[in-house]
Amino acid sequence: MTSLRTADRLPALLIVTALAVASIVIALVGVAPARVSAAELMGAERTPGEASFIAAHRGGSSMAPENTLPAVRAALVSGFGYVEVDLSLTADGVAVLMHDRTVNRTTDGEGSLASLTLAAVRTLDAGGWYSAAFAGTPVPTASEFLDVLAQLDGRAILDLKGVWTPEAADDLVGELAARGLERRVAVASFDARALAYVQARSDVIPRLLILKTLPTDIVPAALAVGARGVVVGRGALQARPEVVDELHEAGLRVVAYTLNSDRQWDAATSLGVDGIVTDDPGLLDHWQRGLASR
């Protein structure tokens, strides 16, 4: 989530417009599903000083190679509330777990992910760079990840990276529905179009707006598009700490990313954020246990 996307700099009005189109489509086809509430998805709103839920960043990158099934399994078996993973599309439109636009950093291959077919991606080693113990670990597909999530009864935040298509969003929604995960997974993105594509297919699956900065009208904007909350960088929270209370008053949740030190955790917890995305969920869990014993 550290990369700044163009859509992140757009005003909240554009987000409203994009998602409103999807709402009209749903209304026209007569779909009226039972939507997932913020409380059902992320629990009751936190108060200042109360422990937030923990989301293991990129699937649990402190325990295994990021965005791989070993990382996801380790995080879920450890009992962390959520895993956060990045979904990007291959050249043939298949969603795989990958954060970067290129495969260079986290595999033994080179080139843009969007220029590689799934067959080509599946030949890459996504674990050897991390440790010899993980050599040969493949880049997982979204389907494989969702199988593990369902098997281990986990929850997840899916960060849709890059350029998504209506067809890819339709496939993702279908995969979630087939496993009964619509009420256990939140779809998030910097790109309003990706969220609109998901909403056009299903208004049940919760959506979260990922923002690097907070527009002044974020509360009405989020309410207007039916988002269940925002995923926001710590810099934006530091600039506008009052926004946590404002979002809570509107029934929305606040997830802070990507916080990796006790100083950052303490600052976010003191504001009452509902979730923290971190590269070190084990240490954050230990820190929260110490907080509870004070």
C-alpha atoms as a PDB file:
ATOM      1  CA  MET A   1       0.000   0.000   0.000  1.00  0.00           C
ATOM      2  CA  THR A   2       2.954   2.290  -0.038  1.00  0.00           C
ATOM      3  CA  SER A   3       2.685   3.259  -3.706  1.00  0.00           C
ATOM      4  CA  LEU A   4       0.791   6.418  -4.574  1.00  0.00           C
ATOM      5  CA  ARG A   5      -1.806   5.901  -7.291  1.00  0.00           C
ATOM      6  CA  THR A   6      -3.234   8.582  -9.541  1.00  0.00           C
ATOM      7  CA  ALA A   7      -6.753   7.862  -8.285  1.00  0.00           C
ATOM      8  CA  ASP A   8      -5.563   8.588  -4.756  1.00  0.00           C
ATOM      9  CA  ARG A   9      -5.117  12.225  -5.712  1.00  0.00           C
ATOM     10  CA  LEU A  10      -8.591  12.576  -7.160  1.00  0.00           C
ATOM     11  CA  PRO A  11     -11.244  14.471  -5.187  1.00  0.00           C
ATOM     12  CA  ALA A  12     -13.788  12.503  -3.235  1.00  0.00           C
ATOM     13  CA  LEU A  13     -16.451  13.685  -5.689  1.00  0.00           C
ATOM     14  CA  LEU A  14     -14.928  11.536  -8.423  1.00  0.00           C
ATOM     15  CA  ILE A  15     -15.095   8.496  -6.158  1.00  0.00           C
ATOM     16  CA  VAL A  16     -18.767   9.241  -5.529  1.00  0.00           C
ATOM     17  CA  THR A  17     -19.437   9.562  -9.251  1.00  0.00           C
ATOM     18  CA  ALA A  18     -17.723   6.316 -10.175  1.00  0.00           C
ATOM     19  CA  LEU A  19     -19.453   4.265  -7.523  1.00  0.00           C
ATOM     20  CA  ALA A  20     -22.809   5.955  -8.046  1.00  0.00           C
ATOM     21  CA  VAL A  21     -22.854   4.578 -11.583  1.00  0.00           C
ATOM     22  CA  ALA A  22     -22.515   1.083 -10.155  1.00  0.00           C
ATOM     23  CA  SER A  23     -25.372   1.776  -7.739  1.00  0.00           C
ATOM     24  CA  ILE A  24     -27.617   2.732 -10.658  1.00  0.00           C
ATOM     25  CA  VAL A  25     -26.751  -0.514 -12.437  1.00  0.00           C
ATOM     26  CA  ILE A  26     -27.685  -2.520  -9.361  1.00  0.00           C
ATOM     27  CA  ALA A  27     -30.970  -0.633  -9.015  1.00  0.00           C
ATOM     28  CA  LEU A  28     -31.865  -1.217 -12.671  1.00  0.00           C
ATOM     29  CA  VAL A  29     -31.402  -4.974 -12.461  1.00  0.00           C
ATOM     30  CA  GLY A  30     -33.403  -5.121  -9.254  1.00  0.00           C
ATOM     31  CA  VAL A  31     -30.679  -6.520  -7.012  1.00  0.00           C
ATOM     32  CA  ALA A  32     -31.252  -5.783  -3.332  1.00  0.00           C
ATOM     33  CA  PRO A  33     -28.805  -7.949  -1.347  1.00  0.00           C
ATOM     34  CA  ALA A  34     -28.294  -7.786   2.382  1.00  0.00           C
ATOM     35  CA  ARG A  35     -25.225  -5.609   2.761  1.00  0.00           C
ATOM     36  CA  VAL A  36     -22.455  -6.238   5.247  1.00  0.00           C
ATOM     37  CA  SER A  37     -22.397  -3.721   8.074  1.00  0.00           C
ATOM     38  CA  ALA A  38     -19.187  -2.155   9.336  1.00  0.00           C
ATOM     39  CA  ALA A  39     -19.724  -3.845  12.697  1.00  0.00           C
ATOM     40  CA  GLU A  40     -20.160  -7.269  11.088  1.00  0.00           C
ATOM     41  CA  LEU A  41     -17.001  -6.835   9.071  1.00  0.00           C
ATOM     42  CA  MET A  42     -14.669  -5.139  11.566  1.00  0.00           C
ATOM     43  CA  GLY A  43     -16.407  -5.225  14.913  1.00  0.00           C
ATOM     44  CA  ALA A  44     -17.609  -2.364  17.093  1.00  0.00           C
ATOM     45  CA  GLU A  45     -15.872   0.968  16.682  1.00  0.00           C
ATOM     46  CA  ARG A  46     -12.823   1.312  18.898  1.00  0.00           C
ATOM     47  CA  THR A  47     -12.420   3.953  21.541  1.00  0.00           C
ATOM     48  CA  PRO A  48      -9.133   5.805  22.129  1.00  0.00           C
ATOM     49  CA  GLY A  49      -6.673   3.426  23.773  1.00  0.00           C
ATOM     50  CA  GLU A  50      -8.569   0.283  22.792  1.00  0.00           C
ATOM     51  CA  ALA A  51      -6.749  -2.398  20.821  1.00  0.00           C
ATOM     52  CA  SER A  52      -7.549  -2.521  17.112  1.00  0.00           C
ATOM     53  CA  PHE A  53      -7.734  -5.554  14.884  1.00  0.00           C
ATOM     54  CA  ILE A  54      -4.452  -6.603  13.282  1.00  0.00           C
ATOM     55  CA  ALA A  55      -4.070  -7.071   9.540  1.00  0.00           C
ATOM     56  CA  ALA A  56      -0.920  -8.869   8.401  1.00  0.00           C
ATOM     57  CA  HIS A  57       0.501  -6.740   5.575  1.00  0.00           C
ATOM     58  CA  ARG A  58       1.025  -8.506   2.225  1.00  0.00           C
ATOM     59  CA  GLY A  59      -0.170 -11.748   3.734  1.00  0.00           C
ATOM     60  CA  GLY A  60       2.289 -11.918   6.617  1.00  0.00           C
ATOM     61  CA  SER A  61       5.611 -10.774   5.184  1.00  0.00           C
ATOM     62  CA  SER A  62       7.491 -11.099   8.476  1.00  0.00           C
ATOM     63  CA  MET A  63       6.925 -14.875   8.531  1.00  0.00           C
ATOM     64  CA  ALA A  64       7.319 -15.872   4.885  1.00  0.00           C
ATOM     65  CA  PRO A  65       7.694 -14.266   1.438  1.00  0.00           C
ATOM     66  CA  GLU A  66       5.135 -11.524   0.935  1.00  0.00           C
ATOM     67  CA  ASN A  67       1.927 -12.316  -0.919  1.00  0.00           C
ATOM     68  CA  THR A  68       2.534 -16.076  -0.910  1.00  0.00           C
ATOM     69  CA  LEU A  69       0.450 -18.890   0.533  1.00  0.00           C
ATOM     70  CA  PRO A  70       3.045 -19.790   3.201  1.00  0.00           C
ATOM     71  CA  ALA A  71       2.801 -16.223   4.508  1.00  0.00           C
ATOM     72  CA  VAL A  72      -0.991 -16.276   4.478  1.00  0.00           C
ATOM     73  CA  ARG A  73      -1.155 -19.628   6.257  1.00  0.00           C
ATOM     74  CA  ALA A  74       1.340 -18.502   8.906  1.00  0.00           C
ATOM     75  CA  ALA A  75      -0.610 -15.328   9.627  1.00  0.00           C
ATOM     76  CA  LEU A  76      -3.979 -17.058   9.847  1.00  0.00           C
ATOM     77  CA  VAL A  77      -2.720 -19.960  11.950  1.00  0.00           C
ATOM     78  CA  SER A  78      -1.170 -17.403  14.306  1.00  0.00           C
ATOM     79  CA  GLY A  79      -4.647 -16.035  14.893  1.00  0.00           C
ATOM     80  CA  PHE A  80      -4.326 -12.546  13.448  1.00  0.00           C
ATOM     81  CA  GLY A  81      -7.668 -10.979  12.629  1.00  0.00           C
ATOM     82  CA  TYR A  82      -7.003 -10.297   8.974  1.00  0.00           C
ATOM     83  CA  VAL A  83      -4.545 -10.772   6.192  1.00  0.00           C
ATOM     84  CA  GLU A  84      -4.056  -7.939   3.725  1.00  0.00           C
ATOM     85  CA  VAL A  85      -2.987  -9.007   0.243  1.00  0.00           C
ATOM     86  CA  ASP A  86      -2.464  -7.290  -3.098  1.00  0.00           C
ATOM     87  CA  LEU A  87      -4.259  -8.546  -6.203  1.00  0.00           C
ATOM     88  CA  SER A  88      -2.924  -7.600  -9.641  1.00  0.00           C
ATOM     89  CA  LEU A  89      -3.832  -8.833 -13.126  1.00  0.00           C
ATOM     90  CA  THR A  90      -1.676 -10.823 -15.520  1.00  0.00           C
ATOM     91  CA  ALA A  91      -1.686 -10.155 -19.271  1.00  0.00           C
ATOM     92  CA  ASP A  92      -4.530 -12.646 -19.683  1.00  0.00           C
ATOM     93  CA  GLY A  93      -6.589 -11.045 -16.925  1.00  0.00           C
ATOM     94  CA  VAL A  94      -6.010 -13.502 -14.070  1.00  0.00           C
ATOM     95  CA  ALA A  95      -5.728 -12.073 -10.564  1.00  0.00           C
ATOM     96  CA  VAL A  96      -2.560 -13.092  -8.708  1.00  0.00           C
ATOM     97  CA  LEU A  97      -0.994 -11.972  -5.456  1.00  0.00           C
ATOM     98  CA  MET A  98       1.556  -9.308  -6.375  1.00  0.00           C
ATOM     99  CA  HIS A  99       2.192  -5.824  -4.997  1.00  0.00           C
ATOM    100  CA  ASP A 100       4.586  -4.320  -7.532  1.00  0.00           C
ATOM    101  CA  ARG A 101       3.919  -3.520 -11.151  1.00  0.00           C
ATOM    102  CA  THR A 102       6.931  -5.656 -12.079  1.00  0.00           C
ATOM    103  CA  VAL A 103       7.930  -9.118 -10.905  1.00  0.00           C
ATOM    104  CA  ASN A 104      11.573  -8.078 -10.425  1.00  0.00           C
ATOM    105  CA  ARG A 105      11.670  -7.530  -6.658  1.00  0.00           C
ATOM    106  CA  THR A 106       9.791 -10.573  -5.386  1.00  0.00           C
ATOM    107  CA  THR A 107      10.579 -13.244  -7.979  1.00  0.00           C
ATOM    108  CA  ASP A 108      13.500 -14.487 -10.046  1.00  0.00           C
ATOM    109  CA  GLY A 109      11.915 -13.042 -13.177  1.00  0.00           C
ATOM    110  CA  GLU A 110      11.825  -9.668 -14.853  1.00  0.00           C
ATOM    111  CA  GLY A 111       9.265  -7.469 -16.517  1.00  0.00           C
ATOM    112  CA  SER A 112       5.845  -5.995 -16.021  1.00  0.00           C
ATOM    113  CA  LEU A 113       3.268  -8.333 -14.536  1.00  0.00           C
ATOM    114  CA  ALA A 114       0.680  -6.938 -16.951  1.00  0.00           C
ATOM    115  CA  SER A 115       2.834  -8.141 -19.861  1.00  0.00           C
ATOM    116  CA  LEU A 116       3.152 -11.725 -18.580  1.00  0.00           C
ATOM    117  CA  THR A 117       0.591 -14.472 -18.966  1.00  0.00           C
ATOM    118  CA  LEU A 118      -0.428 -16.591 -16.011  1.00  0.00           C
ATOM    119  CA  ALA A 119       1.520 -19.502 -17.497  1.00  0.00           C
ATOM    120  CA  ALA A 120       4.664 -17.374 -17.532  1.00  0.00           C
ATOM    121  CA  VAL A 121       4.092 -16.099 -14.003  1.00  0.00           C
ATOM    122  CA  ARG A 122       3.661 -19.638 -12.728  1.00  0.00           C
ATOM    123  CA  THR A 123       7.215 -20.488 -13.770  1.00  0.00           C
ATOM    124  CA  LEU A 124       8.656 -17.861 -11.426  1.00  0.00           C
ATOM    125  CA  ASP A 125      10.174 -18.478  -8.003  1.00  0.00           C
ATOM    126  CA  ALA A 126       8.520 -16.103  -5.525  1.00  0.00           C
ATOM    127  CA  GLY A 127      10.305 -17.391  -2.435  1.00  0.00           C
ATOM    128  CA  GLY A 128      14.008 -17.822  -3.072  1.00  0.00           C
ATOM    129  CA  TRP A 129      14.748 -14.126  -2.638  1.00  0.00           C
ATOM    130  CA  TYR A 130      13.397 -14.315   0.914  1.00  0.00           C
ATOM    131  CA  SER A 131      15.072 -17.498   2.084  1.00  0.00           C
ATOM    132  CA  ALA A 132      16.396 -20.734   0.652  1.00  0.00           C
ATOM    133  CA  ALA A 133      13.742 -22.492   2.720  1.00  0.00           C
ATOM    134  CA  PHE A 134      11.081 -20.968   0.476  1.00  0.00           C
ATOM    135  CA  ALA A 135      12.810 -21.508  -2.871  1.00  0.00           C
ATOM    136  CA  GLY A 136      10.358 -22.620  -5.525  1.00  0.00           C
ATOM    137  CA  THR A 137       7.323 -20.994  -3.901  1.00  0.00           C
ATOM    138  CA  PRO A 138       4.996 -19.937  -6.730  1.00  0.00           C
ATOM    139  CA  VAL A 139       3.079 -16.718  -7.200  1.00  0.00           C
ATOM    140  CA  PRO A 140      -0.419 -17.711  -6.048  1.00  0.00           C
ATOM    141  CA  THR A 141      -3.613 -16.960  -7.903  1.00  0.00           C
ATOM    142  CA  ALA A 142      -6.508 -15.236  -6.170  1.00  0.00           C
ATOM    143  CA  SER A 143      -8.406 -18.531  -6.371  1.00  0.00           C
ATOM    144  CA  GLU A 144      -5.680 -20.389  -4.494  1.00  0.00           C
ATOM    145  CA  PHE A 145      -5.512 -17.676  -1.859  1.00  0.00           C
ATOM    146  CA  LEU A 146      -9.280 -17.738  -1.358  1.00  0.00           C
ATOM    147  CA  ASP A 147      -9.196 -21.521  -0.943  1.00  0.00           C
ATOM    148  CA  VAL A 148      -6.755 -21.127   1.945  1.00  0.00           C
ATOM    149  CA  LEU A 149      -8.761 -18.267   3.428  1.00  0.00           C
ATOM    150  CA  ALA A 150     -11.941 -20.346   3.383  1.00  0.00           C
ATOM    151  CA  GLN A 151     -10.195 -23.424   4.736  1.00  0.00           C
ATOM    152  CA  LEU A 152      -8.730 -21.534   7.685  1.00  0.00           C
ATOM    153  CA  ASP A 153     -11.886 -19.478   8.278  1.00  0.00           C
ATOM    154  CA  GLY A 154      -9.995 -16.211   7.866  1.00  0.00           C
ATOM    155  CA  ARG A 155     -10.813 -12.640   6.988  1.00  0.00           C
ATOM    156  CA  ALA A 156      -9.025 -10.492   4.460  1.00  0.00           C
ATOM    157  CA  ILE A 157      -8.581  -7.062   2.949  1.00  0.00           C
ATOM    158  CA  LEU A 158      -8.011  -7.340  -0.801  1.00  0.00           C
ATOM    159  CA  ASP A 159      -6.082  -4.403  -2.216  1.00  0.00           C
ATOM    160  CA  LEU A 160      -6.837  -4.234  -5.949  1.00  0.00           C
ATOM    161  CA  LYS A 161      -3.661  -2.982  -7.629  1.00  0.00           C
ATOM    162  CA  GLY A 162      -3.104  -1.683 -11.131  1.00  0.00           C
ATOM    163  CA  VAL A 163      -5.782  -1.441 -13.793  1.00  0.00           C
ATOM    164  CA  TRP A 164      -8.783  -3.709 -13.229  1.00  0.00           C
ATOM    165  CA  THR A 165     -11.451  -4.611 -15.754  1.00  0.00           C
ATOM    166  CA  PRO A 166     -15.165  -5.331 -15.299  1.00  0.00           C
ATOM    167  CA  GLU A 167     -14.471  -8.936 -16.337  1.00  0.00           C
ATOM    168  CA  ALA A 168     -11.767  -9.398 -13.712  1.00  0.00           C
ATOM    169  CA  ALA A 169     -13.980  -7.886 -11.028  1.00  0.00           C
ATOM    170  CA  ASP A 170     -16.791 -10.200 -12.078  1.00  0.00           C
ATOM    171  CA  ASP A 171     -14.469 -13.197 -11.767  1.00  0.00           C
ATOM    172  CA  LEU A 172     -13.331 -12.102  -8.301  1.00  0.00           C
ATOM    173  CA  VAL A 173     -16.877 -11.633  -7.052  1.00  0.00           C
ATOM    174  CA  GLY A 174     -17.787 -15.051  -8.403  1.00  0.00           C
ATOM    175  CA  GLU A 175     -14.827 -16.650  -6.634  1.00  0.00           C
ATOM    176  CA  LEU A 176     -15.817 -15.019  -3.344  1.00  0.00           C
ATOM    177  CA  ALA A 177     -19.447 -16.090  -3.701  1.00  0.00           C
ATOM    178  CA  ALA A 178     -18.515 -19.666  -4.572  1.00  0.00           C
ATOM    179  CA  ARG A 179     -16.693 -19.970  -1.246  1.00  0.00           C
ATOM    180  CA  GLY A 180     -19.192 -18.033   0.847  1.00  0.00           C
ATOM    181  CA  LEU A 181     -16.623 -15.335   1.599  1.00  0.00           C
ATOM    182  CA  GLU A 182     -18.636 -12.230   0.676  1.00  0.00           C
ATOM    183  CA  ARG A 183     -19.124 -11.359   4.329  1.00  0.00           C
ATOM    184  CA  ARG A 184     -15.539 -12.106   5.408  1.00  0.00           C
ATOM    185  CA  VAL A 185     -13.616 -10.094   2.844  1.00  0.00           C
ATOM    186  CA  ALA A 186     -13.361  -6.371   2.146  1.00  0.00           C
ATOM    187  CA  VAL A 187     -12.283  -5.105  -1.258  1.00  0.00           C
ATOM    188  CA  ALA A 188     -10.131  -1.972  -1.147  1.00  0.00           C
ATOM    189  CA  SER A 189      -8.375   0.175  -3.719  1.00  0.00           C
ATOM    190  CA  PHE A 190      -6.905   3.561  -4.499  1.00  0.00           C
ATOM    191  CA  ASP A 191      -8.762   3.316  -7.820  1.00  0.00           C
ATOM    192  CA  ALA A 192     -12.445   4.251  -7.669  1.00  0.00           C
ATOM    193  CA  ARG A 193     -13.087   2.424 -10.926  1.00  0.00           C
ATOM    194  CA  ALA A 194     -12.012  -0.924  -9.498  1.00  0.00           C
ATOM    195  CA  LEU A 195     -14.386  -0.475  -6.560  1.00  0.00           C
ATOM    196  CA  ALA A 196     -17.187   0.515  -8.929  1.00  0.00           C
ATOM    197  CA  TYR A 197     -16.686  -2.657 -10.959  1.00  0.00           C
ATOM    198  CA  VAL A 198     -16.994  -4.757  -7.805  1.00  0.00           C
ATOM    199  CA  GLN A 199     -20.096  -2.909  -6.649  1.00  0.00           C
ATOM    200  CA  ALA A 200     -21.744  -3.340 -10.047  1.00  0.00           C
ATOM    201  CA  ARG A 201     -21.489  -7.095  -9.542  1.00  0.00           C
ATOM    202  CA  SER A 202     -22.240  -7.272  -5.815  1.00  0.00           C
ATOM    203  CA  ASP A 203     -23.339  -4.747  -3.230  1.00  0.00           C
ATOM    204  CA  VAL A 204     -22.886  -7.349  -0.499  1.00  0.00           C
ATOM    205  CA  ILE A 205     -19.086  -7.385  -0.555  1.00  0.00           C
ATOM    206  CA  PRO A 206     -17.838  -4.470   1.585  1.00  0.00           C
ATOM    207  CA  ARG A 207     -15.637  -1.818   0.037  1.00  0.00           C
ATOM    208  CA  LEU A 208     -12.981   0.345   1.626  1.00  0.00           C
ATOM    209  CA  LEU A 209     -11.465   3.510   0.161  1.00  0.00           C
ATOM    210  CA  ILE A 210      -7.668   3.620   0.328  1.00  0.00           C
ATOM    211  CA  LEU A 211      -6.440   7.171   0.674  1.00  0.00           C
ATOM    212  CA  LYS A 212      -3.033   8.757   1.053  1.00  0.00           C
ATOM    213  CA  THR A 213      -4.648  12.078   1.943  1.00  0.00           C
ATOM    214  CA  LEU A 214      -8.084  12.822   3.334  1.00  0.00           C
ATOM    215  CA  PRO A 215     -10.373  15.170   1.381  1.00  0.00           C
ATOM    216  CA  THR A 216     -12.428  17.502   3.534  1.00  0.00           C
ATOM    217  CA  ASP A 217     -15.634  15.796   2.419  1.00  0.00           C
ATOM    218  CA  ILE A 218     -14.514  12.232   3.083  1.00  0.00           C
ATOM    219  CA  VAL A 219     -17.416  11.374   5.417  1.00  0.00           C
ATOM    220  CA  PRO A 220     -20.261  12.329   3.026  1.00  0.00           C
ATOM    221  CA  ALA A 221     -18.289  10.877   0.134  1.00  0.00           C
ATOM    222  CA  ALA A 222     -17.848   7.504   1.846  1.00  0.00           C
ATOM    223  CA  LEU A 223     -21.485   7.418   2.923  1.00  0.00           C
ATOM    224  CA  ALA A 224     -22.686   8.316  -0.553  1.00  0.00           C
ATOM    225  CA  VAL A 225     -20.943   5.338  -2.141  1.00  0.00           C
ATOM    226  CA  GLY A 226     -21.750   2.861   0.611  1.00  0.00           C
ATOM    227  CA  ALA A 227     -18.142   2.314   1.679  1.00  0.00           C
ATOM    228  CA  ARG A 228     -17.700   0.702   5.062  1.00  0.00           C
ATOM    229  CA  GLY A 229     -14.664   2.768   5.939  1.00  0.00           C
ATOM    230  CA  VAL A 230     -11.279   4.021   4.827  1.00  0.00           C
ATOM    231  CA  VAL A 231      -7.755   2.653   4.819  1.00  0.00           C
ATOM    232  CA  VAL A 232      -5.513   5.638   5.368  1.00  0.00           C
ATOM    233  CA  GLY A 233      -1.845   6.449   5.806  1.00  0.00           C
ATOM    234  CA  ARG A 234      -0.594   7.589   9.197  1.00  0.00           C
ATOM    235  CA  GLY A 235       0.481  10.954   7.804  1.00  0.00           C
ATOM    236  CA  ALA A 236      -3.108  11.807   6.927  1.00  0.00           C
ATOM    237  CA  LEU A 237      -4.281  10.766  10.382  1.00  0.00           C
ATOM    238  CA  GLN A 238      -1.626  12.910  12.009  1.00  0.00           C
ATOM    239  CA  ALA A 239      -2.739  15.860   9.906  1.00  0.00           C
ATOM    240  CA  ARG A 240      -6.421  15.386  10.765  1.00  0.00           C
ATOM    241  CA  PRO A 241      -6.751  13.294  13.941  1.00  0.00           C
ATOM    242  CA  GLU A 242     -10.339  14.468  14.436  1.00  0.00           C
ATOM    243  CA  VAL A 243     -11.402  12.526  11.333  1.00  0.00           C
ATOM    244  CA  VAL A 244     -11.450   9.258  13.292  1.00  0.00           C
ATOM    245  CA  ASP A 245     -14.270  10.533  15.503  1.00  0.00           C
ATOM    246  CA  GLU A 246     -16.041  12.006  12.466  1.00  0.00           C
ATOM    247  CA  LEU A 247     -15.962   8.694  10.615  1.00  0.00           C
ATOM    248  CA  HIS A 248     -17.052   6.783  13.712  1.00  0.00           C
ATOM    249  CA  GLU A 249     -20.010   9.084  14.210  1.00  0.00           C
ATOM    250  CA  ALA A 250     -21.083   8.187  10.679  1.00  0.00           C
ATOM    251  CA  GLY A 251     -20.828   4.457  11.410  1.00  0.00           C
ATOM    252  CA  LEU A 252     -17.641   4.028   9.388  1.00  0.00           C
ATOM    253  CA  ARG A 253     -14.378   2.329  10.315  1.00  0.00           C
ATOM    254  CA  VAL A 254     -10.780   3.524  10.088  1.00  0.00           C
ATOM    255  CA  VAL A 255      -7.833   1.288   9.213  1.00  0.00           C
ATOM    256  CA  ALA A 256      -4.321   2.740   9.413  1.00  0.00           C
ATOM    257  CA  TYR A 257      -1.438   1.527   7.226  1.00  0.00           C
ATOM    258  CA  THR A 258       1.430   0.501   7.334  1.00  0.00           C
ATOM    259  CA  LEU A 259       2.518   0.931  10.959  1.00  0.00           C
ATOM    260  CA  ASN A 260       5.617  -0.920  12.171  1.00  0.00           C
ATOM    261  CA  SER A 261       6.810   0.624  15.442  1.00  0.00           C
ATOM    262  CA  ASP A 262       5.466   0.968  18.956  1.00  0.00           C
ATOM    263  CA  ARG A 263       5.478   4.742  18.570  1.00  0.00           C
ATOM    264  CA  GLN A 264       3.278   4.507  15.480  1.00  0.00           C
ATOM    265  CA  TRP A 265       0.988   1.930  17.105  1.00  0.00           C
ATOM    266  CA  ASP A 266       0.594   4.075  20.193  1.00  0.00           C
ATOM    267  CA  ALA A 267      -0.259   7.177  18.162  1.00  0.00           C
ATOM    268  CA  ALA A 268      -2.882   5.344  16.103  1.00  0.00           C
ATOM    269  CA  THR A 269      -4.364   3.511  19.091  1.00  0.00           C
ATOM    270  CA  SER A 270      -4.696   6.762  21.015  1.00  0.00           C
ATOM    271  CA  LEU A 271      -6.941   8.024  18.205  1.00  0.00           C
ATOM    272  CA  GLY A 272      -9.182   4.957  18.345  1.00  0.00           C
ATOM    273  CA  VAL A 273      -8.463   3.495  14.915  1.00  0.00           C
ATOM    274  CA  ASP A 274     -10.267   0.214  14.293  1.00  0.00           C
ATOM    275  CA  GLY A 275      -7.536  -1.668  12.456  1.00  0.00           C
ATOM    276  CA  ILE A 276      -3.783  -1.523  11.917  1.00  0.00           C
ATOM    277  CA  VAL A 277      -2.013  -2.967   8.888  1.00  0.00           C
ATOM    278  CA  THR A 278       1.516  -3.973   9.833  1.00  0.00           C
ATOM    279  CA  ASP A 279       4.525  -5.891   8.556  1.00  0.00           C
ATOM    280  CA  ASP A 280       5.075  -7.333  12.049  1.00  0.00           C
ATOM    281  CA  PRO A 281       1.729  -8.599  13.351  1.00  0.00           C
ATOM    282  CA  GLY A 282       3.392 -10.785  15.975  1.00  0.00           C
ATOM    283  CA  LEU A 283       5.145  -7.859  17.612  1.00  0.00           C
ATOM    284  CA  LEU A 284       2.009  -5.710  17.397  1.00  0.00           C
ATOM    285  CA  ASP A 285       0.009  -8.477  19.061  1.00  0.00           C
ATOM    286  CA  HIS A 286       2.608  -8.644  21.847  1.00  0.00           C
ATOM    287  CA  TRP A 287       2.460  -4.854  22.208  1.00  0.00           C
ATOM    288  CA  GLN A 288      -1.333  -4.914  22.432  1.00  0.00           C
ATOM    289  CA  ARG A 289      -1.241  -7.595  25.120  1.00  0.00           C
ATOM    290  CA  GLY A 290       1.035  -5.345  27.125  1.00  0.00           C
ATOM    291  CA  LEU A 291      -1.376  -2.491  26.564  1.00  0.00           C
ATOM    292  CA  ALA A 292      -4.250  -4.557  27.925  1.00  0.00           C
ATOM    293  CA  SER A 293      -2.324  -5.393  31.098  1.00  0.00           C
ATOM    294  CA  ARG A 294      -1.637  -1.791  32.032  1.00  0.00           C
END
